[in-house]
Protein backbone atom coordinates (compact mmCIF):
# COMPACT_ATOMS: atom_id res chain seq x y z
CA UNK A 1 0.00 0.00 0.00
CA UNK A 2 1.07 3.58 -0.56
CA UNK A 3 0.04 6.12 2.06
CA UNK A 4 -0.21 9.66 0.83
CA UNK A 5 -1.84 12.88 1.80
CA UNK A 6 -2.84 15.70 -0.51
CA UNK A 7 -2.52 19.33 0.53
CA UNK A 8 -3.02 21.29 -2.64
CA UNK A 9 -0.81 19.43 -5.13
CA UNK A 10 1.64 18.16 -2.51
CA UNK A 11 1.90 14.49 -1.60
CA UNK A 12 2.99 13.23 1.80
CA UNK A 13 3.64 10.09 3.69
CA UNK A 14 1.55 10.16 6.80
CA UNK A 15 3.69 11.64 9.56
CA UNK A 16 2.95 10.64 13.13
CA UNK A 17 4.96 12.49 15.73
CA UNK A 18 5.90 11.08 19.11
CA UNK A 19 6.14 13.93 21.60
CA UNK A 20 7.39 13.79 25.15
CA UNK A 21 10.41 14.47 27.30
CA UNK A 22 13.25 12.01 27.81
CA UNK A 23 12.01 9.03 29.81
CA UNK A 24 8.37 9.53 28.88
CA UNK A 25 8.19 6.16 27.08
CA UNK A 26 8.30 7.15 23.42
CA UNK A 27 10.87 4.60 22.23
CA UNK A 28 9.13 1.74 24.02
CA UNK A 29 5.82 2.72 22.44
CA UNK A 30 7.31 2.99 18.95
CA UNK A 31 8.81 -0.50 19.20
CA UNK A 32 5.43 -1.87 20.24
CA UNK A 33 3.68 -0.06 17.37
CA UNK A 34 6.16 -1.50 14.87
CA UNK A 35 5.62 -4.98 16.26
CA UNK A 36 1.85 -4.58 15.84
CA UNK A 37 2.00 -3.16 12.31
CA UNK A 38 5.08 -3.38 10.09
CA UNK A 39 4.05 -0.29 8.13
CA UNK A 40 5.10 1.91 11.05
CA UNK A 41 8.71 3.00 10.64
CA UNK A 42 10.99 5.60 12.19
CA UNK A 43 11.32 8.56 9.85
CA UNK A 44 14.47 8.04 7.72
CA UNK A 45 16.60 11.20 8.00
CA UNK A 46 17.83 12.78 4.76
CA UNK A 47 21.48 12.55 3.81
CA UNK A 48 23.78 15.38 4.87
CA UNK A 49 23.72 16.73 1.31
CA UNK A 50 20.06 17.68 1.80
CA UNK A 51 21.09 20.28 4.37
CA UNK A 52 23.60 22.19 2.24
CA UNK A 53 21.04 24.55 0.71
CA UNK A 54 19.53 25.17 4.13
CA UNK A 55 22.91 25.98 5.69
CA UNK A 56 23.72 28.48 2.97
CA UNK A 57 20.29 30.10 3.27
CA UNK A 58 20.46 30.10 7.07
CA UNK A 59 23.84 31.83 7.25
CA UNK A 60 22.95 34.36 4.55
CA UNK A 61 19.73 35.24 6.34
CA UNK A 62 20.72 35.22 10.01
CA UNK A 63 24.45 35.85 10.29
CA UNK A 64 24.39 39.49 9.03
CA UNK A 65 21.36 40.17 11.23
CA UNK A 66 23.14 38.62 14.20
CA UNK A 67 26.34 40.62 13.63
CA UNK A 68 24.39 43.85 13.34
CA UNK A 69 22.07 43.39 16.32
CA UNK A 70 23.25 40.57 18.60
CA UNK A 71 27.01 40.27 18.23
CA UNK A 72 27.51 40.63 22.00
CA UNK A 73 25.38 37.55 22.65
CA UNK A 74 25.95 33.97 21.63
CA UNK A 75 25.32 32.46 18.20
CA UNK A 76 23.28 29.30 17.59
CA UNK A 77 24.74 26.06 18.93
CA UNK A 78 25.34 23.17 16.55
CA UNK A 79 22.26 21.38 17.91
CA UNK A 80 20.12 24.48 17.44
CA UNK A 81 21.29 24.76 13.82
CA UNK A 82 20.41 21.10 13.37
CA UNK A 83 16.94 21.67 14.84
CA UNK A 84 16.39 24.57 12.45
CA UNK A 85 17.57 22.37 9.60
CA UNK A 86 15.13 19.62 10.53
CA UNK A 87 12.27 22.11 10.67
CA UNK A 88 13.26 23.55 7.29
CA UNK A 89 13.99 20.39 5.30
CA UNK A 90 12.19 17.32 6.57
CA UNK A 91 8.70 18.12 5.29
CA UNK A 92 9.95 18.73 1.75
CA UNK A 93 12.04 15.57 2.02
CA UNK A 94 8.92 13.69 3.06
CA UNK A 95 7.11 15.00 -0.04
CA UNK A 96 9.91 13.77 -2.28
CA UNK A 97 9.68 10.26 -0.80
CA UNK A 98 5.88 10.04 -0.94
CA UNK A 99 5.90 8.92 -4.57
CA UNK A 100 7.36 5.52 -3.79
CA UNK A 101 6.93 4.91 -0.06
CA UNK A 102 5.00 2.25 1.80
CA UNK A 103 5.22 3.36 5.42
CA UNK A 104 3.60 5.35 8.18
CA UNK A 105 6.56 7.40 9.31
CA UNK A 106 6.99 8.15 13.01
CA UNK A 107 9.12 11.06 14.20
CA UNK A 108 10.94 10.87 17.53
CA UNK A 109 11.88 13.57 18.27
CA UNK A 110 9.96 15.85 15.96
CA UNK A 111 8.72 19.36 15.43
CA UNK A 112 7.27 19.77 18.93
CA UNK A 113 10.70 19.17 20.47
CA UNK A 114 12.60 21.29 17.93
CA UNK A 115 10.21 24.23 18.24
CA UNK A 116 10.17 23.98 22.03
CA UNK A 117 13.95 23.81 22.27
CA UNK A 118 14.42 26.97 20.22
CA UNK A 119 11.84 28.83 22.30
CA UNK A 120 13.13 27.61 25.65
CA UNK A 121 16.90 27.65 25.19
CA UNK A 122 17.65 29.56 21.99
CA UNK A 123 20.02 32.56 21.95
CA UNK A 124 18.69 36.12 22.30
CA UNK A 125 18.25 36.43 18.53
CA UNK A 126 15.38 33.92 18.75
CA UNK A 127 13.33 36.42 20.78
CA UNK A 128 13.42 39.00 17.98
CA UNK A 129 10.20 39.40 15.93
CA UNK A 130 12.09 38.45 12.74
CA UNK A 131 13.02 35.08 14.16
CA UNK A 132 9.62 34.63 15.81
CA UNK A 133 8.05 35.12 12.38
CA UNK A 134 10.26 32.33 11.00
CA UNK A 135 9.37 30.14 14.00
CA UNK A 136 5.64 30.72 13.51
CA UNK A 137 5.95 29.84 9.83
CA UNK A 138 7.61 26.50 10.72
CA UNK A 139 4.96 25.92 13.40
CA UNK A 140 2.19 26.37 10.82
CA UNK A 141 3.91 24.20 8.21
CA UNK A 142 4.42 21.32 10.60
CA UNK A 143 0.95 21.65 12.07
CA UNK A 144 -0.43 21.25 8.57
CA UNK A 145 1.90 18.36 7.73
CA UNK A 146 1.26 16.03 10.68
CA UNK A 147 -1.37 13.31 10.68
CA UNK A 148 -1.23 12.63 14.41
CA UNK A 149 0.67 13.48 17.58
CA UNK A 150 1.14 10.80 20.20
CA UNK A 151 2.03 12.64 23.39
CA UNK A 152 3.69 10.51 26.05
CA UNK A 153 3.64 12.15 29.46
CA UNK A 154 4.69 11.29 33.01
CA UNK A 155 5.79 13.13 36.15
CA UNK A 156 9.27 14.58 35.83
CA UNK A 157 10.61 12.42 38.68
CA UNK A 158 9.43 9.28 36.90
CA UNK A 159 10.97 10.39 33.61
CA UNK A 160 14.30 11.18 35.23
CA UNK A 161 14.43 7.86 37.05
CA UNK A 162 13.78 6.02 33.78
CA UNK A 163 16.62 7.88 32.05
CA UNK A 164 19.04 7.28 34.93
CA UNK A 165 18.23 3.56 34.95
CA UNK A 166 19.22 3.12 31.29
CA UNK A 167 22.67 2.19 30.03
CA UNK A 168 22.44 4.69 27.16
CA UNK A 169 24.08 8.08 27.53
CA UNK A 170 21.83 11.11 27.84
CA UNK A 171 22.84 14.71 28.47
CA UNK A 172 20.71 15.01 31.61
CA UNK A 173 22.77 12.25 33.21
CA UNK A 174 25.56 14.80 33.44
CA UNK A 175 23.37 17.34 35.27
CA UNK A 176 22.54 17.63 38.93
CA UNK A 177 19.19 16.17 39.92
CA UNK A 178 17.66 19.62 40.35
CA UNK A 179 18.97 20.85 36.99
CA UNK A 180 17.74 17.72 35.23
CA UNK A 181 14.27 18.03 36.77
CA UNK A 182 14.18 21.72 35.86
CA UNK A 183 14.97 20.97 32.21
CA UNK A 184 12.32 18.25 32.04
CA UNK A 185 9.74 20.60 33.57
CA UNK A 186 10.70 23.34 31.12
CA UNK A 187 10.11 21.10 28.11
CA UNK A 188 6.86 19.80 29.60
CA UNK A 189 5.64 23.38 30.01
CA UNK A 190 6.37 24.19 26.37
CA UNK A 191 4.76 20.96 25.15
CA UNK A 192 1.63 21.88 27.11
CA UNK A 193 1.51 25.16 25.18
CA UNK A 194 2.56 24.03 21.71
CA UNK A 195 0.68 20.74 21.27
CA UNK A 196 -2.83 22.08 22.06
CA UNK A 197 -2.15 25.06 19.80
CA UNK A 198 -1.14 22.75 16.94
CA UNK A 199 -4.14 20.48 17.31
CA UNK A 200 -6.73 23.21 17.88
CA UNK A 201 -6.15 24.84 14.49
CA UNK A 202 -5.32 21.80 12.35
CA UNK A 203 -6.79 18.36 11.69
CA UNK A 204 -4.23 16.48 13.78
CA UNK A 205 -5.35 13.41 15.71
CA UNK A 206 -4.03 13.74 19.25
CA UNK A 207 -3.34 10.91 21.68
CA UNK A 208 -2.24 11.98 25.18
CA UNK A 209 -1.03 9.15 27.41
CA UNK A 210 0.16 9.21 31.01
CA UNK A 211 2.69 6.43 30.66
CA UNK A 212 2.95 5.92 34.43
CA UNK A 213 -0.76 5.08 34.53
CA UNK A 214 -1.29 2.96 31.42
CA UNK A 215 0.62 0.03 29.94
CA UNK A 216 2.36 0.14 26.57
CA UNK A 217 -0.01 -2.55 25.29
CA UNK A 218 -3.04 -0.47 26.30
CA UNK A 219 -1.63 2.55 24.44
CA UNK A 220 -1.06 0.47 21.32
CA UNK A 221 -4.58 -0.94 21.55
CA UNK A 222 -6.05 2.57 21.76
CA UNK A 223 -4.05 3.78 18.78
CA UNK A 224 -4.96 0.84 16.57
CA UNK A 225 -8.62 0.87 17.54
CA UNK A 226 -9.03 4.60 16.95
CA UNK A 227 -11.52 4.97 14.12
CA UNK A 228 -10.83 8.68 13.62
CA UNK A 229 -7.14 8.07 12.93
CA UNK A 230 -7.59 5.15 10.60
CA UNK A 231 -10.51 6.76 8.75
CA UNK A 232 -8.35 9.81 8.21
CA UNK A 233 -5.57 7.67 6.76
CA UNK A 234 -7.92 5.59 4.64
CA UNK A 235 -9.63 8.66 3.17
CA UNK A 236 -6.40 10.23 1.94
CA UNK A 237 -5.71 10.03 -1.80
CA UNK A 238 -3.75 6.79 -2.03
CA UNK A 239 -3.19 3.71 -4.12
CA UNK A 240 -4.48 0.63 -2.37
CA UNK A 241 -5.87 0.37 1.11
CA UNK A 242 -4.64 0.73 4.62
CA UNK A 243 -4.50 -2.27 6.93
CA UNK A 244 -4.35 -2.11 10.69
C-alpha atoms as a PDB file:
ATOM      1  CA  UNK A   1       0.000   0.000   0.000  1.00  0.00           C
ATOM      2  CA  UNK A   2       1.068   3.581  -0.556  1.00  0.00           C
ATOM      3  CA  UNK A   3       0.035   6.116   2.062  1.00  0.00           C
ATOM      4  CA  UNK A   4      -0.213   9.662   0.828  1.00  0.00           C
ATOM      5  CA  UNK A   5      -1.842  12.884   1.800  1.00  0.00           C
ATOM      6  CA  UNK A   6      -2.838  15.699  -0.510  1.00  0.00           C
ATOM      7  CA  UNK A   7      -2.521  19.331   0.528  1.00  0.00           C
ATOM      8  CA  UNK A   8      -3.022  21.290  -2.643  1.00  0.00           C
ATOM      9  CA  UNK A   9      -0.815  19.430  -5.130  1.00  0.00           C
ATOM     10  CA  UNK A  10       1.642  18.156  -2.508  1.00  0.00           C
ATOM     11  CA  UNK A  11       1.896  14.493  -1.599  1.00  0.00           C
ATOM     12  CA  UNK A  12       2.987  13.230   1.801  1.00  0.00           C
ATOM     13  CA  UNK A  13       3.636  10.086   3.688  1.00  0.00           C
ATOM     14  CA  UNK A  14       1.548  10.163   6.802  1.00  0.00           C
ATOM     15  CA  UNK A  15       3.693  11.644   9.564  1.00  0.00           C
ATOM     16  CA  UNK A  16       2.947  10.639  13.132  1.00  0.00           C
ATOM     17  CA  UNK A  17       4.960  12.490  15.733  1.00  0.00           C
ATOM     18  CA  UNK A  18       5.897  11.080  19.111  1.00  0.00           C
ATOM     19  CA  UNK A  19       6.145  13.928  21.595  1.00  0.00           C
ATOM     20  CA  UNK A  20       7.386  13.790  25.154  1.00  0.00           C
ATOM     21  CA  UNK A  21      10.407  14.471  27.298  1.00  0.00           C
ATOM     22  CA  UNK A  22      13.252  12.015  27.813  1.00  0.00           C
ATOM     23  CA  UNK A  23      12.009   9.034  29.807  1.00  0.00           C
ATOM     24  CA  UNK A  24       8.368   9.528  28.880  1.00  0.00           C
ATOM     25  CA  UNK A  25       8.190   6.163  27.084  1.00  0.00           C
ATOM     26  CA  UNK A  26       8.302   7.152  23.417  1.00  0.00           C
ATOM     27  CA  UNK A  27      10.872   4.604  22.232  1.00  0.00           C
ATOM     28  CA  UNK A  28       9.126   1.745  24.024  1.00  0.00           C
ATOM     29  CA  UNK A  29       5.817   2.724  22.441  1.00  0.00           C
ATOM     30  CA  UNK A  30       7.313   2.988  18.948  1.00  0.00           C
ATOM     31  CA  UNK A  31       8.809  -0.499  19.199  1.00  0.00           C
ATOM     32  CA  UNK A  32       5.428  -1.866  20.237  1.00  0.00           C
ATOM     33  CA  UNK A  33       3.679  -0.060  17.372  1.00  0.00           C
ATOM     34  CA  UNK A  34       6.163  -1.500  14.870  1.00  0.00           C
ATOM     35  CA  UNK A  35       5.623  -4.983  16.258  1.00  0.00           C
ATOM     36  CA  UNK A  36       1.848  -4.575  15.839  1.00  0.00           C
ATOM     37  CA  UNK A  37       1.997  -3.162  12.306  1.00  0.00           C
ATOM     38  CA  UNK A  38       5.078  -3.382  10.095  1.00  0.00           C
ATOM     39  CA  UNK A  39       4.050  -0.291   8.126  1.00  0.00           C
ATOM     40  CA  UNK A  40       5.099   1.907  11.050  1.00  0.00           C
ATOM     41  CA  UNK A  41       8.714   2.996  10.636  1.00  0.00           C
ATOM     42  CA  UNK A  42      10.991   5.602  12.190  1.00  0.00           C
ATOM     43  CA  UNK A  43      11.316   8.560   9.845  1.00  0.00           C
ATOM     44  CA  UNK A  44      14.465   8.038   7.716  1.00  0.00           C
ATOM     45  CA  UNK A  45      16.595  11.201   7.998  1.00  0.00           C
ATOM     46  CA  UNK A  46      17.828  12.777   4.762  1.00  0.00           C
ATOM     47  CA  UNK A  47      21.480  12.552   3.814  1.00  0.00           C
ATOM     48  CA  UNK A  48      23.778  15.384   4.871  1.00  0.00           C
ATOM     49  CA  UNK A  49      23.717  16.728   1.307  1.00  0.00           C
ATOM     50  CA  UNK A  50      20.063  17.681   1.801  1.00  0.00           C
ATOM     51  CA  UNK A  51      21.090  20.278   4.369  1.00  0.00           C
ATOM     52  CA  UNK A  52      23.600  22.191   2.240  1.00  0.00           C
ATOM     53  CA  UNK A  53      21.040  24.546   0.707  1.00  0.00           C
ATOM     54  CA  UNK A  54      19.530  25.167   4.133  1.00  0.00           C
ATOM     55  CA  UNK A  55      22.907  25.981   5.691  1.00  0.00           C
ATOM     56  CA  UNK A  56      23.715  28.484   2.966  1.00  0.00           C
ATOM     57  CA  UNK A  57      20.289  30.100   3.273  1.00  0.00           C
ATOM     58  CA  UNK A  58      20.464  30.096   7.065  1.00  0.00           C
ATOM     59  CA  UNK A  59      23.837  31.828   7.253  1.00  0.00           C
ATOM     60  CA  UNK A  60      22.948  34.357   4.553  1.00  0.00           C
ATOM     61  CA  UNK A  61      19.727  35.236   6.340  1.00  0.00           C
ATOM     62  CA  UNK A  62      20.716  35.219  10.005  1.00  0.00           C
ATOM     63  CA  UNK A  63      24.452  35.855  10.288  1.00  0.00           C
ATOM     64  CA  UNK A  64      24.390  39.487   9.026  1.00  0.00           C
ATOM     65  CA  UNK A  65      21.364  40.175  11.225  1.00  0.00           C
ATOM     66  CA  UNK A  66      23.141  38.621  14.196  1.00  0.00           C
ATOM     67  CA  UNK A  67      26.344  40.618  13.628  1.00  0.00           C
ATOM     68  CA  UNK A  68      24.387  43.846  13.338  1.00  0.00           C
ATOM     69  CA  UNK A  69      22.070  43.390  16.317  1.00  0.00           C
ATOM     70  CA  UNK A  70      23.248  40.567  18.599  1.00  0.00           C
ATOM     71  CA  UNK A  71      27.012  40.266  18.231  1.00  0.00           C
ATOM     72  CA  UNK A  72      27.512  40.626  22.001  1.00  0.00           C
ATOM     73  CA  UNK A  73      25.381  37.549  22.646  1.00  0.00           C
ATOM     74  CA  UNK A  74      25.946  33.966  21.631  1.00  0.00           C
ATOM     75  CA  UNK A  75      25.323  32.456  18.197  1.00  0.00           C
ATOM     76  CA  UNK A  76      23.284  29.302  17.594  1.00  0.00           C
ATOM     77  CA  UNK A  77      24.744  26.063  18.934  1.00  0.00           C
ATOM     78  CA  UNK A  78      25.340  23.168  16.554  1.00  0.00           C
ATOM     79  CA  UNK A  79      22.264  21.380  17.914  1.00  0.00           C
ATOM     80  CA  UNK A  80      20.116  24.485  17.441  1.00  0.00           C
ATOM     81  CA  UNK A  81      21.286  24.758  13.824  1.00  0.00           C
ATOM     82  CA  UNK A  82      20.410  21.095  13.368  1.00  0.00           C
ATOM     83  CA  UNK A  83      16.943  21.666  14.841  1.00  0.00           C
ATOM     84  CA  UNK A  84      16.388  24.569  12.446  1.00  0.00           C
ATOM     85  CA  UNK A  85      17.572  22.368   9.600  1.00  0.00           C
ATOM     86  CA  UNK A  86      15.128  19.621  10.531  1.00  0.00           C
ATOM     87  CA  UNK A  87      12.270  22.115  10.668  1.00  0.00           C
ATOM     88  CA  UNK A  88      13.260  23.555   7.285  1.00  0.00           C
ATOM     89  CA  UNK A  89      13.988  20.391   5.303  1.00  0.00           C
ATOM     90  CA  UNK A  90      12.194  17.316   6.574  1.00  0.00           C
ATOM     91  CA  UNK A  91       8.698  18.123   5.291  1.00  0.00           C
ATOM     92  CA  UNK A  92       9.945  18.728   1.748  1.00  0.00           C
ATOM     93  CA  UNK A  93      12.043  15.568   2.019  1.00  0.00           C
ATOM     94  CA  UNK A  94       8.921  13.690   3.063  1.00  0.00           C
ATOM     95  CA  UNK A  95       7.106  14.996  -0.035  1.00  0.00           C
ATOM     96  CA  UNK A  96       9.907  13.767  -2.279  1.00  0.00           C
ATOM     97  CA  UNK A  97       9.683  10.258  -0.797  1.00  0.00           C
ATOM     98  CA  UNK A  98       5.878  10.043  -0.942  1.00  0.00           C
ATOM     99  CA  UNK A  99       5.905   8.918  -4.568  1.00  0.00           C
ATOM    100  CA  UNK A 100       7.358   5.519  -3.786  1.00  0.00           C
ATOM    101  CA  UNK A 101       6.929   4.909  -0.057  1.00  0.00           C
ATOM    102  CA  UNK A 102       5.003   2.254   1.804  1.00  0.00           C
ATOM    103  CA  UNK A 103       5.224   3.361   5.422  1.00  0.00           C
ATOM    104  CA  UNK A 104       3.598   5.348   8.183  1.00  0.00           C
ATOM    105  CA  UNK A 105       6.560   7.398   9.312  1.00  0.00           C
ATOM    106  CA  UNK A 106       6.993   8.153  13.006  1.00  0.00           C
ATOM    107  CA  UNK A 107       9.121  11.061  14.196  1.00  0.00           C
ATOM    108  CA  UNK A 108      10.942  10.873  17.532  1.00  0.00           C
ATOM    109  CA  UNK A 109      11.884  13.574  18.272  1.00  0.00           C
ATOM    110  CA  UNK A 110       9.961  15.845  15.962  1.00  0.00           C
ATOM    111  CA  UNK A 111       8.724  19.361  15.426  1.00  0.00           C
ATOM    112  CA  UNK A 112       7.273  19.769  18.934  1.00  0.00           C
ATOM    113  CA  UNK A 113      10.697  19.173  20.473  1.00  0.00           C
ATOM    114  CA  UNK A 114      12.603  21.287  17.933  1.00  0.00           C
ATOM    115  CA  UNK A 115      10.211  24.229  18.236  1.00  0.00           C
ATOM    116  CA  UNK A 116      10.166  23.984  22.034  1.00  0.00           C
ATOM    117  CA  UNK A 117      13.948  23.813  22.270  1.00  0.00           C
ATOM    118  CA  UNK A 118      14.424  26.969  20.219  1.00  0.00           C
ATOM    119  CA  UNK A 119      11.844  28.833  22.301  1.00  0.00           C
ATOM    120  CA  UNK A 120      13.131  27.607  25.652  1.00  0.00           C
ATOM    121  CA  UNK A 121      16.899  27.654  25.190  1.00  0.00           C
ATOM    122  CA  UNK A 122      17.652  29.564  21.995  1.00  0.00           C
ATOM    123  CA  UNK A 123      20.023  32.555  21.949  1.00  0.00           C
ATOM    124  CA  UNK A 124      18.691  36.125  22.304  1.00  0.00           C
ATOM    125  CA  UNK A 125      18.252  36.432  18.529  1.00  0.00           C
ATOM    126  CA  UNK A 126      15.385  33.920  18.749  1.00  0.00           C
ATOM    127  CA  UNK A 127      13.333  36.418  20.777  1.00  0.00           C
ATOM    128  CA  UNK A 128      13.420  38.998  17.981  1.00  0.00           C
ATOM    129  CA  UNK A 129      10.201  39.400  15.934  1.00  0.00           C
ATOM    130  CA  UNK A 130      12.086  38.453  12.742  1.00  0.00           C
ATOM    131  CA  UNK A 131      13.017  35.077  14.161  1.00  0.00           C
ATOM    132  CA  UNK A 132       9.623  34.631  15.807  1.00  0.00           C
ATOM    133  CA  UNK A 133       8.047  35.119  12.380  1.00  0.00           C
ATOM    134  CA  UNK A 134      10.255  32.329  11.000  1.00  0.00           C
ATOM    135  CA  UNK A 135       9.372  30.136  14.002  1.00  0.00           C
ATOM    136  CA  UNK A 136       5.640  30.719  13.512  1.00  0.00           C
ATOM    137  CA  UNK A 137       5.952  29.838   9.832  1.00  0.00           C
ATOM    138  CA  UNK A 138       7.612  26.502  10.720  1.00  0.00           C
ATOM    139  CA  UNK A 139       4.965  25.923  13.397  1.00  0.00           C
ATOM    140  CA  UNK A 140       2.191  26.373  10.819  1.00  0.00           C
ATOM    141  CA  UNK A 141       3.912  24.201   8.211  1.00  0.00           C
ATOM    142  CA  UNK A 142       4.419  21.325  10.596  1.00  0.00           C
ATOM    143  CA  UNK A 143       0.954  21.652  12.068  1.00  0.00           C
ATOM    144  CA  UNK A 144      -0.430  21.251   8.565  1.00  0.00           C
ATOM    145  CA  UNK A 145       1.903  18.356   7.728  1.00  0.00           C
ATOM    146  CA  UNK A 146       1.257  16.035  10.676  1.00  0.00           C
ATOM    147  CA  UNK A 147      -1.373  13.311  10.675  1.00  0.00           C
ATOM    148  CA  UNK A 148      -1.231  12.625  14.413  1.00  0.00           C
ATOM    149  CA  UNK A 149       0.666  13.480  17.575  1.00  0.00           C
ATOM    150  CA  UNK A 150       1.144  10.797  20.201  1.00  0.00           C
ATOM    151  CA  UNK A 151       2.026  12.641  23.388  1.00  0.00           C
ATOM    152  CA  UNK A 152       3.688  10.513  26.052  1.00  0.00           C
ATOM    153  CA  UNK A 153       3.640  12.150  29.459  1.00  0.00           C
ATOM    154  CA  UNK A 154       4.690  11.290  33.006  1.00  0.00           C
ATOM    155  CA  UNK A 155       5.790  13.126  36.154  1.00  0.00           C
ATOM    156  CA  UNK A 156       9.272  14.576  35.829  1.00  0.00           C
ATOM    157  CA  UNK A 157      10.614  12.424  38.681  1.00  0.00           C
ATOM    158  CA  UNK A 158       9.427   9.275  36.904  1.00  0.00           C
ATOM    159  CA  UNK A 159      10.968  10.388  33.607  1.00  0.00           C
ATOM    160  CA  UNK A 160      14.298  11.184  35.234  1.00  0.00           C
ATOM    161  CA  UNK A 161      14.429   7.862  37.050  1.00  0.00           C
ATOM    162  CA  UNK A 162      13.783   6.022  33.780  1.00  0.00           C
ATOM    163  CA  UNK A 163      16.622   7.878  32.050  1.00  0.00           C
ATOM    164  CA  UNK A 164      19.044   7.281  34.928  1.00  0.00           C
ATOM    165  CA  UNK A 165      18.232   3.562  34.947  1.00  0.00           C
ATOM    166  CA  UNK A 166      19.221   3.116  31.293  1.00  0.00           C
ATOM    167  CA  UNK A 167      22.671   2.188  30.034  1.00  0.00           C
ATOM    168  CA  UNK A 168      22.444   4.687  27.158  1.00  0.00           C
ATOM    169  CA  UNK A 169      24.076   8.085  27.528  1.00  0.00           C
ATOM    170  CA  UNK A 170      21.829  11.114  27.838  1.00  0.00           C
ATOM    171  CA  UNK A 171      22.836  14.708  28.475  1.00  0.00           C
ATOM    172  CA  UNK A 172      20.711  15.013  31.609  1.00  0.00           C
ATOM    173  CA  UNK A 173      22.774  12.247  33.214  1.00  0.00           C
ATOM    174  CA  UNK A 174      25.564  14.804  33.437  1.00  0.00           C
ATOM    175  CA  UNK A 175      23.368  17.338  35.268  1.00  0.00           C
ATOM    176  CA  UNK A 176      22.542  17.631  38.927  1.00  0.00           C
ATOM    177  CA  UNK A 177      19.194  16.167  39.923  1.00  0.00           C
ATOM    178  CA  UNK A 178      17.663  19.621  40.352  1.00  0.00           C
ATOM    179  CA  UNK A 179      18.967  20.852  36.991  1.00  0.00           C
ATOM    180  CA  UNK A 180      17.739  17.717  35.225  1.00  0.00           C
ATOM    181  CA  UNK A 181      14.275  18.025  36.767  1.00  0.00           C
ATOM    182  CA  UNK A 182      14.183  21.720  35.865  1.00  0.00           C
ATOM    183  CA  UNK A 183      14.968  20.965  32.206  1.00  0.00           C
ATOM    184  CA  UNK A 184      12.322  18.250  32.045  1.00  0.00           C
ATOM    185  CA  UNK A 185       9.741  20.604  33.567  1.00  0.00           C
ATOM    186  CA  UNK A 186      10.703  23.339  31.119  1.00  0.00           C
ATOM    187  CA  UNK A 187      10.107  21.101  28.110  1.00  0.00           C
ATOM    188  CA  UNK A 188       6.863  19.801  29.603  1.00  0.00           C
ATOM    189  CA  UNK A 189       5.638  23.379  30.008  1.00  0.00           C
ATOM    190  CA  UNK A 190       6.367  24.186  26.369  1.00  0.00           C
ATOM    191  CA  UNK A 191       4.757  20.960  25.154  1.00  0.00           C
ATOM    192  CA  UNK A 192       1.629  21.883  27.110  1.00  0.00           C
ATOM    193  CA  UNK A 193       1.505  25.165  25.179  1.00  0.00           C
ATOM    194  CA  UNK A 194       2.557  24.030  21.712  1.00  0.00           C
ATOM    195  CA  UNK A 195       0.675  20.744  21.270  1.00  0.00           C
ATOM    196  CA  UNK A 196      -2.833  22.084  22.056  1.00  0.00           C
ATOM    197  CA  UNK A 197      -2.145  25.062  19.795  1.00  0.00           C
ATOM    198  CA  UNK A 198      -1.136  22.750  16.944  1.00  0.00           C
ATOM    199  CA  UNK A 199      -4.137  20.479  17.312  1.00  0.00           C
ATOM    200  CA  UNK A 200      -6.731  23.207  17.875  1.00  0.00           C
ATOM    201  CA  UNK A 201      -6.150  24.842  14.488  1.00  0.00           C
ATOM    202  CA  UNK A 202      -5.318  21.803  12.352  1.00  0.00           C
ATOM    203  CA  UNK A 203      -6.786  18.361  11.687  1.00  0.00           C
ATOM    204  CA  UNK A 204      -4.234  16.477  13.785  1.00  0.00           C
ATOM    205  CA  UNK A 205      -5.350  13.405  15.706  1.00  0.00           C
ATOM    206  CA  UNK A 206      -4.031  13.736  19.247  1.00  0.00           C
ATOM    207  CA  UNK A 207      -3.336  10.909  21.681  1.00  0.00           C
ATOM    208  CA  UNK A 208      -2.238  11.975  25.176  1.00  0.00           C
ATOM    209  CA  UNK A 209      -1.031   9.152  27.409  1.00  0.00           C
ATOM    210  CA  UNK A 210       0.159   9.205  31.014  1.00  0.00           C
ATOM    211  CA  UNK A 211       2.692   6.431  30.660  1.00  0.00           C
ATOM    212  CA  UNK A 212       2.952   5.923  34.433  1.00  0.00           C
ATOM    213  CA  UNK A 213      -0.759   5.079  34.533  1.00  0.00           C
ATOM    214  CA  UNK A 214      -1.287   2.957  31.415  1.00  0.00           C
ATOM    215  CA  UNK A 215       0.624   0.031  29.945  1.00  0.00           C
ATOM    216  CA  UNK A 216       2.358   0.139  26.573  1.00  0.00           C
ATOM    217  CA  UNK A 217      -0.013  -2.547  25.294  1.00  0.00           C
ATOM    218  CA  UNK A 218      -3.037  -0.470  26.296  1.00  0.00           C
ATOM    219  CA  UNK A 219      -1.633   2.548  24.441  1.00  0.00           C
ATOM    220  CA  UNK A 220      -1.065   0.471  21.323  1.00  0.00           C
ATOM    221  CA  UNK A 221      -4.582  -0.942  21.553  1.00  0.00           C
ATOM    222  CA  UNK A 222      -6.051   2.569  21.764  1.00  0.00           C
ATOM    223  CA  UNK A 223      -4.048   3.781  18.777  1.00  0.00           C
ATOM    224  CA  UNK A 224      -4.957   0.838  16.574  1.00  0.00           C
ATOM    225  CA  UNK A 225      -8.621   0.866  17.543  1.00  0.00           C
ATOM    226  CA  UNK A 226      -9.027   4.601  16.953  1.00  0.00           C
ATOM    227  CA  UNK A 227     -11.525   4.966  14.116  1.00  0.00           C
ATOM    228  CA  UNK A 228     -10.827   8.681  13.622  1.00  0.00           C
ATOM    229  CA  UNK A 229      -7.144   8.075  12.934  1.00  0.00           C
ATOM    230  CA  UNK A 230      -7.594   5.153  10.600  1.00  0.00           C
ATOM    231  CA  UNK A 231     -10.512   6.758   8.747  1.00  0.00           C
ATOM    232  CA  UNK A 232      -8.349   9.811   8.206  1.00  0.00           C
ATOM    233  CA  UNK A 233      -5.565   7.670   6.759  1.00  0.00           C
ATOM    234  CA  UNK A 234      -7.921   5.595   4.643  1.00  0.00           C
ATOM    235  CA  UNK A 235      -9.635   8.657   3.165  1.00  0.00           C
ATOM    236  CA  UNK A 236      -6.402  10.235   1.945  1.00  0.00           C
ATOM    237  CA  UNK A 237      -5.710  10.030  -1.801  1.00  0.00           C
ATOM    238  CA  UNK A 238      -3.753   6.789  -2.034  1.00  0.00           C
ATOM    239  CA  UNK A 239      -3.194   3.714  -4.119  1.00  0.00           C
ATOM    240  CA  UNK A 240      -4.478   0.630  -2.370  1.00  0.00           C
ATOM    241  CA  UNK A 241      -5.872   0.369   1.109  1.00  0.00           C
ATOM    242  CA  UNK A 242      -4.636   0.727   4.618  1.00  0.00           C
ATOM    243  CA  UNK A 243      -4.498  -2.265   6.930  1.00  0.00           C
ATOM    244  CA  UNK A 244      -4.353  -2.114  10.688  1.00  0.00           C
END
